[in-house]
């Protein structure tokens, strides 16, 4: 019962499924820290109980050694009293001889009582020593389990931090993918291309308008020359140049080729 009461809580804790507990924990690191603290406190309680058990054993052993010593002392006193009685008896003093023989008997009786006390304590001492050995072994196992739990705690905390760091890196990568700088450059480049295309269109439009203006100037020059030659004809001056007559007509006029046949 004593051993069970000491190790009952520890056994339940040692058999607990750490991974299952961690799955249900909001903060695994805090839970692991609490488990280490609980286990450490339980070990401290176990150490106190084991120390008390060892103390009880040491008291039994002290009493046993005291009984053995008393038995030896009373044996020595019985021997001394017996020898004294023999001396008095040899001297003819039977009264003192009888007196010391009685003292020897009392000493022997007390020797036997001390021996019985020591003999009666031997089974309890043997049993207590066995319990103490088991408790010490169990305590050593508990300390080993604490080291394992501490190592497991450190490992899981490190893995948790690594996983969190990897998650942050993954989120950062996703963010970079979502806002890819190369895609921004591509959009900027596309904008510039549209600007350049617009400029080219404006240039082509300007060039087309300029050509039309030059064409209008050329038509105007030709019309001016025609008007000048017509005026010269009417005044009887210069004759029309070869190939120049009828080559152009004023804008908006219509020419019937049959009219030339009437000339």
C-alpha atoms as a PDB file:
ATOM      1  CA  UNK A   1       0.000   0.000   0.000  1.00  0.00           C
ATOM      2  CA  UNK A   2       2.822   2.408   0.828  1.00  0.00           C
ATOM      3  CA  UNK A   3       4.607   1.687  -2.417  1.00  0.00           C
ATOM      4  CA  UNK A   4       1.365   1.973  -4.369  1.00  0.00           C
ATOM      5  CA  UNK A   5       0.463   5.291  -2.760  1.00  0.00           C
ATOM      6  CA  UNK A   6       3.878   6.693  -3.611  1.00  0.00           C
ATOM      7  CA  UNK A   7       3.975   5.606  -7.224  1.00  0.00           C
ATOM      8  CA  UNK A   8       0.267   5.573  -8.096  1.00  0.00           C
ATOM      9  CA  UNK A   9       0.106   9.052  -9.584  1.00  0.00           C
ATOM     10  CA  UNK A  10       3.509   8.680 -11.223  1.00  0.00           C
ATOM     11  CA  UNK A  11       2.529   5.438 -12.940  1.00  0.00           C
ATOM     12  CA  UNK A  12      -0.588   7.052 -14.387  1.00  0.00           C
ATOM     13  CA  UNK A  13       1.399  10.020 -15.630  1.00  0.00           C
ATOM     14  CA  UNK A  14       4.125   7.830 -17.106  1.00  0.00           C
ATOM     15  CA  UNK A  15       1.552   5.751 -18.983  1.00  0.00           C
ATOM     16  CA  UNK A  16      -0.257   8.805 -20.377  1.00  0.00           C
ATOM     17  CA  UNK A  17      -0.211   9.242 -24.132  1.00  0.00           C
ATOM     18  CA  UNK A  18       1.763  12.455 -24.558  1.00  0.00           C
ATOM     19  CA  UNK A  19       0.984  12.857 -28.248  1.00  0.00           C
ATOM     20  CA  UNK A  20      -2.751  12.498 -27.618  1.00  0.00           C
ATOM     21  CA  UNK A  21      -2.599  15.086 -24.870  1.00  0.00           C
ATOM     22  CA  UNK A  22      -0.642  17.432 -27.096  1.00  0.00           C
ATOM     23  CA  UNK A  23      -3.231  17.138 -29.863  1.00  0.00           C
ATOM     24  CA  UNK A  24      -5.852  18.531 -27.484  1.00  0.00           C
ATOM     25  CA  UNK A  25      -3.621  21.240 -26.057  1.00  0.00           C
ATOM     26  CA  UNK A  26      -3.945  24.842 -27.168  1.00  0.00           C
ATOM     27  CA  UNK A  27      -0.293  25.484 -26.317  1.00  0.00           C
ATOM     28  CA  UNK A  28       1.771  22.253 -26.467  1.00  0.00           C
ATOM     29  CA  UNK A  29       4.845  23.909 -24.980  1.00  0.00           C
ATOM     30  CA  UNK A  30       2.953  25.124 -21.905  1.00  0.00           C
ATOM     31  CA  UNK A  31       1.406  21.690 -21.436  1.00  0.00           C
ATOM     32  CA  UNK A  32       4.766  19.960 -21.722  1.00  0.00           C
ATOM     33  CA  UNK A  33       6.255  22.398 -19.230  1.00  0.00           C
ATOM     34  CA  UNK A  34       3.381  21.667 -16.850  1.00  0.00           C
ATOM     35  CA  UNK A  35       3.890  17.915 -17.271  1.00  0.00           C
ATOM     36  CA  UNK A  36       7.575  18.281 -16.416  1.00  0.00           C
ATOM     37  CA  UNK A  37       6.691  20.366 -13.352  1.00  0.00           C
ATOM     38  CA  UNK A  38       4.054  17.849 -12.216  1.00  0.00           C
ATOM     39  CA  UNK A  39       6.420  14.940 -12.701  1.00  0.00           C
ATOM     40  CA  UNK A  40       9.187  16.784 -10.851  1.00  0.00           C
ATOM     41  CA  UNK A  41       6.839  17.548  -7.953  1.00  0.00           C
ATOM     42  CA  UNK A  42       5.714  13.926  -7.827  1.00  0.00           C
ATOM     43  CA  UNK A  43       9.316  12.787  -7.720  1.00  0.00           C
ATOM     44  CA  UNK A  44       9.955  15.212  -4.855  1.00  0.00           C
ATOM     45  CA  UNK A  45       6.981  13.699  -3.003  1.00  0.00           C
ATOM     46  CA  UNK A  46       8.266  10.209  -3.739  1.00  0.00           C
ATOM     47  CA  UNK A  47      11.736  11.141  -2.517  1.00  0.00           C
ATOM     48  CA  UNK A  48      10.242  12.426   0.728  1.00  0.00           C
ATOM     49  CA  UNK A  49       8.252   9.207   1.210  1.00  0.00           C
ATOM     50  CA  UNK A  50      11.265   7.047   0.364  1.00  0.00           C
ATOM     51  CA  UNK A  51      13.418   9.064   2.761  1.00  0.00           C
ATOM     52  CA  UNK A  52      10.845   8.512   5.513  1.00  0.00           C
ATOM     53  CA  UNK A  53      10.775   4.779   4.765  1.00  0.00           C
ATOM     54  CA  UNK A  54      14.561   4.627   4.848  1.00  0.00           C
ATOM     55  CA  UNK A  55      14.505   6.550   8.145  1.00  0.00           C
ATOM     56  CA  UNK A  56      12.112   4.012   9.614  1.00  0.00           C
ATOM     57  CA  UNK A  57      14.415   1.206   8.474  1.00  0.00           C
ATOM     58  CA  UNK A  58      17.410   2.889  10.026  1.00  0.00           C
ATOM     59  CA  UNK A  59      15.529   3.192  13.336  1.00  0.00           C
ATOM     60  CA  UNK A  60      14.723  -0.540  13.245  1.00  0.00           C
ATOM     61  CA  UNK A  61      18.352  -1.298  12.504  1.00  0.00           C
ATOM     62  CA  UNK A  62      19.468   0.950  15.366  1.00  0.00           C
ATOM     63  CA  UNK A  63      17.081  -0.825  17.741  1.00  0.00           C
ATOM     64  CA  UNK A  64      18.294  -4.190  16.470  1.00  0.00           C
ATOM     65  CA  UNK A  65      21.925  -3.273  17.058  1.00  0.00           C
ATOM     66  CA  UNK A  66      20.995  -1.964  20.514  1.00  0.00           C
ATOM     67  CA  UNK A  67      19.280  -5.271  21.345  1.00  0.00           C
ATOM     68  CA  UNK A  68      22.336  -7.213  20.173  1.00  0.00           C
ATOM     69  CA  UNK A  69      24.607  -5.016  22.265  1.00  0.00           C
ATOM     70  CA  UNK A  70      22.336  -5.370  25.310  1.00  0.00           C
ATOM     71  CA  UNK A  71      22.289  -9.133  24.880  1.00  0.00           C
ATOM     72  CA  UNK A  72      26.075  -9.170  24.782  1.00  0.00           C
ATOM     73  CA  UNK A  73      26.318  -6.861  27.820  1.00  0.00           C
ATOM     74  CA  UNK A  74      23.867  -8.945  29.842  1.00  0.00           C
ATOM     75  CA  UNK A  75      25.738 -12.066  28.827  1.00  0.00           C
ATOM     76  CA  UNK A  76      28.983 -10.555  30.109  1.00  0.00           C
ATOM     77  CA  UNK A  77      27.283  -9.517  33.343  1.00  0.00           C
ATOM     78  CA  UNK A  78      25.852 -13.012  33.803  1.00  0.00           C
ATOM     79  CA  UNK A  79      29.317 -14.488  33.309  1.00  0.00           C
ATOM     80  CA  UNK A  80      30.852 -12.048  35.758  1.00  0.00           C
ATOM     81  CA  UNK A  81      28.154 -12.761  38.380  1.00  0.00           C
ATOM     82  CA  UNK A  82      28.549 -16.502  37.929  1.00  0.00           C
ATOM     83  CA  UNK A  83      32.316 -16.304  38.419  1.00  0.00           C
ATOM     84  CA  UNK A  84      31.837 -14.125  41.503  1.00  0.00           C
ATOM     85  CA  UNK A  85      29.429 -16.680  42.910  1.00  0.00           C
ATOM     86  CA  UNK A  86      31.965 -19.435  42.271  1.00  0.00           C
ATOM     87  CA  UNK A  87      34.596 -17.457  44.150  1.00  0.00           C
ATOM     88  CA  UNK A  88      32.330 -16.958  47.160  1.00  0.00           C
ATOM     89  CA  UNK A  89      31.309 -20.613  47.097  1.00  0.00           C
ATOM     90  CA  UNK A  90      34.950 -21.709  46.965  1.00  0.00           C
ATOM     91  CA  UNK A  91      35.592 -19.543  50.028  1.00  0.00           C
ATOM     92  CA  UNK A  92      32.746 -21.156  51.900  1.00  0.00           C
ATOM     93  CA  UNK A  93      30.429 -18.124  51.630  1.00  0.00           C
ATOM     94  CA  UNK A  94      27.304 -19.776  50.316  1.00  0.00           C
ATOM     95  CA  UNK A  95      25.073 -16.795  51.007  1.00  0.00           C
ATOM     96  CA  UNK A  96      26.983 -14.406  48.709  1.00  0.00           C
ATOM     97  CA  UNK A  97      27.503 -17.237  46.253  1.00  0.00           C
ATOM     98  CA  UNK A  98      23.751 -17.739  46.031  1.00  0.00           C
ATOM     99  CA  UNK A  99      23.269 -13.993  45.718  1.00  0.00           C
ATOM    100  CA  UNK A 100      25.568 -13.688  42.710  1.00  0.00           C
ATOM    101  CA  UNK A 101      24.124 -16.803  41.124  1.00  0.00           C
ATOM    102  CA  UNK A 102      20.733 -15.103  41.302  1.00  0.00           C
ATOM    103  CA  UNK A 103      22.241 -11.995  39.715  1.00  0.00           C
ATOM    104  CA  UNK A 104      23.663 -14.173  36.961  1.00  0.00           C
ATOM    105  CA  UNK A 105      20.226 -15.653  36.357  1.00  0.00           C
ATOM    106  CA  UNK A 106      18.658 -12.184  36.122  1.00  0.00           C
ATOM    107  CA  UNK A 107      21.370 -11.123  33.664  1.00  0.00           C
ATOM    108  CA  UNK A 108      20.801 -14.248  31.596  1.00  0.00           C
ATOM    109  CA  UNK A 109      17.062 -13.591  31.584  1.00  0.00           C
ATOM    110  CA  UNK A 110      17.618 -10.060  30.320  1.00  0.00           C
ATOM    111  CA  UNK A 111      20.114 -11.366  27.770  1.00  0.00           C
ATOM    112  CA  UNK A 112      17.475 -13.750  26.459  1.00  0.00           C
ATOM    113  CA  UNK A 113      14.904 -10.924  26.328  1.00  0.00           C
ATOM    114  CA  UNK A 114      17.277  -8.733  24.307  1.00  0.00           C
ATOM    115  CA  UNK A 115      18.075 -11.618  21.984  1.00  0.00           C
ATOM    116  CA  UNK A 116      14.346 -12.262  21.469  1.00  0.00           C
ATOM    117  CA  UNK A 117      13.805  -8.588  20.702  1.00  0.00           C
ATOM    118  CA  UNK A 118      16.579  -8.670  18.131  1.00  0.00           C
ATOM    119  CA  UNK A 119      15.383 -11.936  16.627  1.00  0.00           C
ATOM    120  CA  UNK A 120      11.795 -10.636  16.413  1.00  0.00           C
ATOM    121  CA  UNK A 121      12.966  -7.496  14.574  1.00  0.00           C
ATOM    122  CA  UNK A 122      14.911  -9.413  11.938  1.00  0.00           C
ATOM    123  CA  UNK A 123      11.872 -10.240   9.680  1.00  0.00           C
ATOM    124  CA  UNK A 124      10.634  -6.628   9.827  1.00  0.00           C
ATOM    125  CA  UNK A 125      14.101  -5.324   9.016  1.00  0.00           C
ATOM    126  CA  UNK A 126      14.460  -7.753   6.099  1.00  0.00           C
ATOM    127  CA  UNK A 127      11.022  -6.795   4.745  1.00  0.00           C
ATOM    128  CA  UNK A 128      11.695  -3.102   5.198  1.00  0.00           C
ATOM    129  CA  UNK A 129      15.039  -3.412   3.442  1.00  0.00           C
ATOM    130  CA  UNK A 130      13.299  -5.068   0.489  1.00  0.00           C
ATOM    131  CA  UNK A 131      10.752  -2.262   0.349  1.00  0.00           C
ATOM    132  CA  UNK A 132      13.486   0.369   0.520  1.00  0.00           C
ATOM    133  CA  UNK A 133      15.419  -1.321  -2.287  1.00  0.00           C
ATOM    134  CA  UNK A 134      12.301  -1.365  -4.463  1.00  0.00           C
ATOM    135  CA  UNK A 135      11.511   2.237  -3.635  1.00  0.00           C
ATOM    136  CA  UNK A 136      15.051   3.307  -4.502  1.00  0.00           C
ATOM    137  CA  UNK A 137      14.848   1.394  -7.772  1.00  0.00           C
ATOM    138  CA  UNK A 138      11.452   2.926  -8.530  1.00  0.00           C
ATOM    139  CA  UNK A 139      12.756   6.384  -7.694  1.00  0.00           C
ATOM    140  CA  UNK A 140      15.688   5.882 -10.050  1.00  0.00           C
ATOM    141  CA  UNK A 141      13.255   4.800 -12.770  1.00  0.00           C
ATOM    142  CA  UNK A 142      11.142   7.871 -12.122  1.00  0.00           C
ATOM    143  CA  UNK A 143      14.183  10.113 -12.464  1.00  0.00           C
ATOM    144  CA  UNK A 144      15.025   8.324 -15.704  1.00  0.00           C
ATOM    145  CA  UNK A 145      11.462   8.910 -16.916  1.00  0.00           C
ATOM    146  CA  UNK A 146      11.799  12.564 -15.974  1.00  0.00           C
ATOM    147  CA  UNK A 147      14.949  12.809 -18.079  1.00  0.00           C
ATOM    148  CA  UNK A 148      13.106  11.132 -20.964  1.00  0.00           C
ATOM    149  CA  UNK A 149      10.140  13.463 -20.527  1.00  0.00           C
ATOM    150  CA  UNK A 150      12.421  16.498 -20.395  1.00  0.00           C
ATOM    151  CA  UNK A 151      14.254  15.351 -23.528  1.00  0.00           C
ATOM    152  CA  UNK A 152      10.938  14.636 -25.255  1.00  0.00           C
ATOM    153  CA  UNK A 153       9.674  18.041 -24.193  1.00  0.00           C
ATOM    154  CA  UNK A 154      12.772  19.764 -25.596  1.00  0.00           C
ATOM    155  CA  UNK A 155      12.494  17.759 -28.824  1.00  0.00           C
ATOM    156  CA  UNK A 156       8.809  18.517 -29.324  1.00  0.00           C
ATOM    157  CA  UNK A 157       9.244  22.194 -28.488  1.00  0.00           C
ATOM    158  CA  UNK A 158      12.113  22.396 -30.983  1.00  0.00           C
ATOM    159  CA  UNK A 159       9.990  20.616 -33.606  1.00  0.00           C
ATOM    160  CA  UNK A 160       7.075  22.931 -32.869  1.00  0.00           C
ATOM    161  CA  UNK A 161       9.277  26.003 -33.309  1.00  0.00           C
ATOM    162  CA  UNK A 162      10.739  24.556 -36.504  1.00  0.00           C
ATOM    163  CA  UNK A 163       7.264  23.856 -37.854  1.00  0.00           C
ATOM    164  CA  UNK A 164       6.171  27.393 -36.961  1.00  0.00           C
ATOM    165  CA  UNK A 165       9.235  28.837 -38.707  1.00  0.00           C
ATOM    166  CA  UNK A 166       8.590  26.681 -41.771  1.00  0.00           C
ATOM    167  CA  UNK A 167       4.972  27.831 -41.769  1.00  0.00           C
ATOM    168  CA  UNK A 168       6.093  31.458 -41.654  1.00  0.00           C
ATOM    169  CA  UNK A 169       8.503  30.867 -44.521  1.00  0.00           C
ATOM    170  CA  UNK A 170       5.756  29.106 -46.479  1.00  0.00           C
ATOM    171  CA  UNK A 171       3.367  32.003 -45.861  1.00  0.00           C
ATOM    172  CA  UNK A 172       6.075  34.438 -46.932  1.00  0.00           C
ATOM    173  CA  UNK A 173       6.654  32.458 -50.124  1.00  0.00           C
ATOM    174  CA  UNK A 174       2.923  32.395 -50.819  1.00  0.00           C
ATOM    175  CA  UNK A 175       2.821  36.146 -50.267  1.00  0.00           C
ATOM    176  CA  UNK A 176       5.713  36.611 -52.673  1.00  0.00           C
ATOM    177  CA  UNK A 177       3.949  34.402 -55.230  1.00  0.00           C
ATOM    178  CA  UNK A 178       0.765  36.398 -54.795  1.00  0.00           C
ATOM    179  CA  UNK A 179       2.625  39.684 -55.283  1.00  0.00           C
ATOM    180  CA  UNK A 180       5.263  38.467 -57.700  1.00  0.00           C
ATOM    181  CA  UNK A 181       7.611  41.384 -58.463  1.00  0.00           C
ATOM    182  CA  UNK A 182       8.223  39.976 -61.947  1.00  0.00           C
ATOM    183  CA  UNK A 183       4.509  40.193 -62.648  1.00  0.00           C
ATOM    184  CA  UNK A 184       4.577  43.829 -61.538  1.00  0.00           C
ATOM    185  CA  UNK A 185       7.468  44.450 -63.941  1.00  0.00           C
ATOM    186  CA  UNK A 186       5.494  42.701 -66.652  1.00  0.00           C
ATOM    187  CA  UNK A 187       2.490  44.946 -66.064  1.00  0.00           C
ATOM    188  CA  UNK A 188       4.729  48.011 -66.046  1.00  0.00           C
ATOM    189  CA  UNK A 189       6.370  46.865 -69.263  1.00  0.00           C
ATOM    190  CA  UNK A 190       2.963  46.334 -70.862  1.00  0.00           C
ATOM    191  CA  UNK A 191       1.964  49.853 -69.833  1.00  0.00           C
ATOM    192  CA  UNK A 192       5.120  51.270 -71.423  1.00  0.00           C
ATOM    193  CA  UNK A 193       4.461  49.291 -74.613  1.00  0.00           C
ATOM    194  CA  UNK A 194       0.985  50.799 -74.807  1.00  0.00           C
ATOM    195  CA  UNK A 195       2.476  54.256 -74.296  1.00  0.00           C
ATOM    196  CA  UNK A 196       5.014  53.596 -77.059  1.00  0.00           C
ATOM    197  CA  UNK A 197       2.276  52.275 -79.368  1.00  0.00           C
ATOM    198  CA  UNK A 198       0.228  55.369 -78.681  1.00  0.00           C
ATOM    199  CA  UNK A 199       3.195  57.575 -79.565  1.00  0.00           C
ATOM    200  CA  UNK A 200       3.727  55.644 -82.815  1.00  0.00           C
ATOM    201  CA  UNK A 201       0.052  56.030 -83.646  1.00  0.00           C
ATOM    202  CA  UNK A 202       0.242  59.734 -83.003  1.00  0.00           C
ATOM    203  CA  UNK A 203       3.360  59.961 -85.183  1.00  0.00           C
ATOM    204  CA  UNK A 204       1.658  58.053 -88.025  1.00  0.00           C
ATOM    205  CA  UNK A 205      -1.412  60.228 -87.703  1.00  0.00           C
ATOM    206  CA  UNK A 206       0.710  63.368 -87.771  1.00  0.00           C
ATOM    207  CA  UNK A 207       2.629  62.113 -90.821  1.00  0.00           C
ATOM    208  CA  UNK A 208      -0.613  61.290 -92.662  1.00  0.00           C
ATOM    209  CA  UNK A 209      -1.991  64.742 -91.939  1.00  0.00           C
ATOM    210  CA  UNK A 210       1.234  66.379 -93.186  1.00  0.00           C
ATOM    211  CA  UNK A 211       1.130  64.393 -96.451  1.00  0.00           C
ATOM    212  CA  UNK A 212      -2.439  65.482 -97.000  1.00  0.00           C
ATOM    213  CA  UNK A 213      -1.419  69.104 -96.457  1.00  0.00           C
ATOM    214  CA  UNK A 214       1.413  68.791 -98.971  1.00  0.00           C
ATOM    215  CA  UNK A 215      -0.982  67.208-101.456  1.00  0.00           C
ATOM    216  CA  UNK A 216      -3.363  70.084-100.996  1.00  0.00           C
ATOM    217  CA  UNK A 217      -0.505  72.525-101.584  1.00  0.00           C
ATOM    218  CA  UNK A 218       0.452  70.700-104.787  1.00  0.00           C
ATOM    219  CA  UNK A 219      -3.186  70.756-106.013  1.00  0.00           C
ATOM    220  CA  UNK A 220      -3.434  74.422-105.189  1.00  0.00           C
ATOM    221  CA  UNK A 221      -0.214  75.199-107.135  1.00  0.00           C
ATOM    222  CA  UNK A 222      -1.463  73.317-110.161  1.00  0.00           C
ATOM    223  CA  UNK A 223      -4.840  75.060-110.064  1.00  0.00           C
ATOM    224  CA  UNK A 224      -3.108  78.415-109.766  1.00  0.00           C
ATOM    225  CA  UNK A 225      -1.040  77.662-112.858  1.00  0.00           C
ATOM    226  CA  UNK A 226      -4.142  76.641-114.787  1.00  0.00           C
ATOM    227  CA  UNK A 227      -5.915  79.826-113.866  1.00  0.00           C
ATOM    228  CA  UNK A 228      -2.851  81.845-114.934  1.00  0.00           C
ATOM    229  CA  UNK A 229      -2.672  80.117-118.340  1.00  0.00           C
ATOM    230  CA  UNK A 230      -6.385  80.560-118.877  1.00  0.00           C
ATOM    231  CA  UNK A 231      -6.032  84.247-118.239  1.00  0.00           C
ATOM    232  CA  UNK A 232      -3.113  84.391-120.706  1.00  0.00           C
ATOM    233  CA  UNK A 233      -5.200  82.670-123.375  1.00  0.00           C
ATOM    234  CA  UNK A 234      -8.003  85.102-122.962  1.00  0.00           C
ATOM    235  CA  UNK A 235      -5.644  88.020-123.282  1.00  0.00           C
ATOM    236  CA  UNK A 236      -4.126  86.561-126.466  1.00  0.00           C
ATOM    237  CA  UNK A 237      -0.791  86.268-124.857  1.00  0.00           C
ATOM    238  CA  UNK A 238       1.127  83.064-124.331  1.00  0.00           C
ATOM    239  CA  UNK A 239      -0.076  79.855-125.841  1.00  0.00           C
ATOM    240  CA  UNK A 240      -0.904  76.870-123.680  1.00  0.00           C
ATOM    241  CA  UNK A 241       2.079  74.642-123.016  1.00  0.00           C
ATOM    242  CA  UNK A 242       2.145  71.278-124.680  1.00  0.00           C
ATOM    243  CA  UNK A 243       0.302  68.742-122.628  1.00  0.00           C
ATOM    244  CA  UNK A 244      -0.949  71.362-120.209  1.00  0.00           C
ATOM    245  CA  UNK A 245      -4.349  72.080-121.850  1.00  0.00           C
ATOM    246  CA  UNK A 246      -7.192  70.270-120.240  1.00  0.00           C
ATOM    247  CA  UNK A 247      -4.881  68.326-117.988  1.00  0.00           C
ATOM    248  CA  UNK A 248      -6.684  69.598-114.909  1.00  0.00           C
ATOM    249  CA  UNK A 249      -9.971  71.261-114.202  1.00  0.00           C
ATOM    250  CA  UNK A 250     -11.094  73.309-111.294  1.00  0.00           C
ATOM    251  CA  UNK A 251     -12.220  71.335-108.320  1.00  0.00           C
ATOM    252  CA  UNK A 252     -15.928  70.670-108.275  1.00  0.00           C
ATOM    253  CA  UNK A 253     -16.372  71.094-112.116  1.00  0.00           C
ATOM    254  CA  UNK A 254     -17.439  68.321-114.445  1.00  0.00           C
ATOM    255  CA  UNK A 255     -16.141  67.830-117.995  1.00  0.00           C
ATOM    256  CA  UNK A 256     -18.066  66.253-120.821  1.00  0.00           C
ATOM    257  CA  UNK A 257     -15.587  64.875-123.365  1.00  0.00           C
ATOM    258  CA  UNK A 258     -18.156  65.427-126.157  1.00  0.00           C
ATOM    259  CA  UNK A 259     -17.843  69.151-125.639  1.00  0.00           C
ATOM    260  CA  UNK A 260     -14.338  68.974-127.011  1.00  0.00           C
ATOM    261  CA  UNK A 261     -15.680  67.484-130.283  1.00  0.00           C
ATOM    262  CA  UNK A 262     -17.815  70.590-130.764  1.00  0.00           C
ATOM    263  CA  UNK A 263     -14.751  72.813-130.847  1.00  0.00           C
END
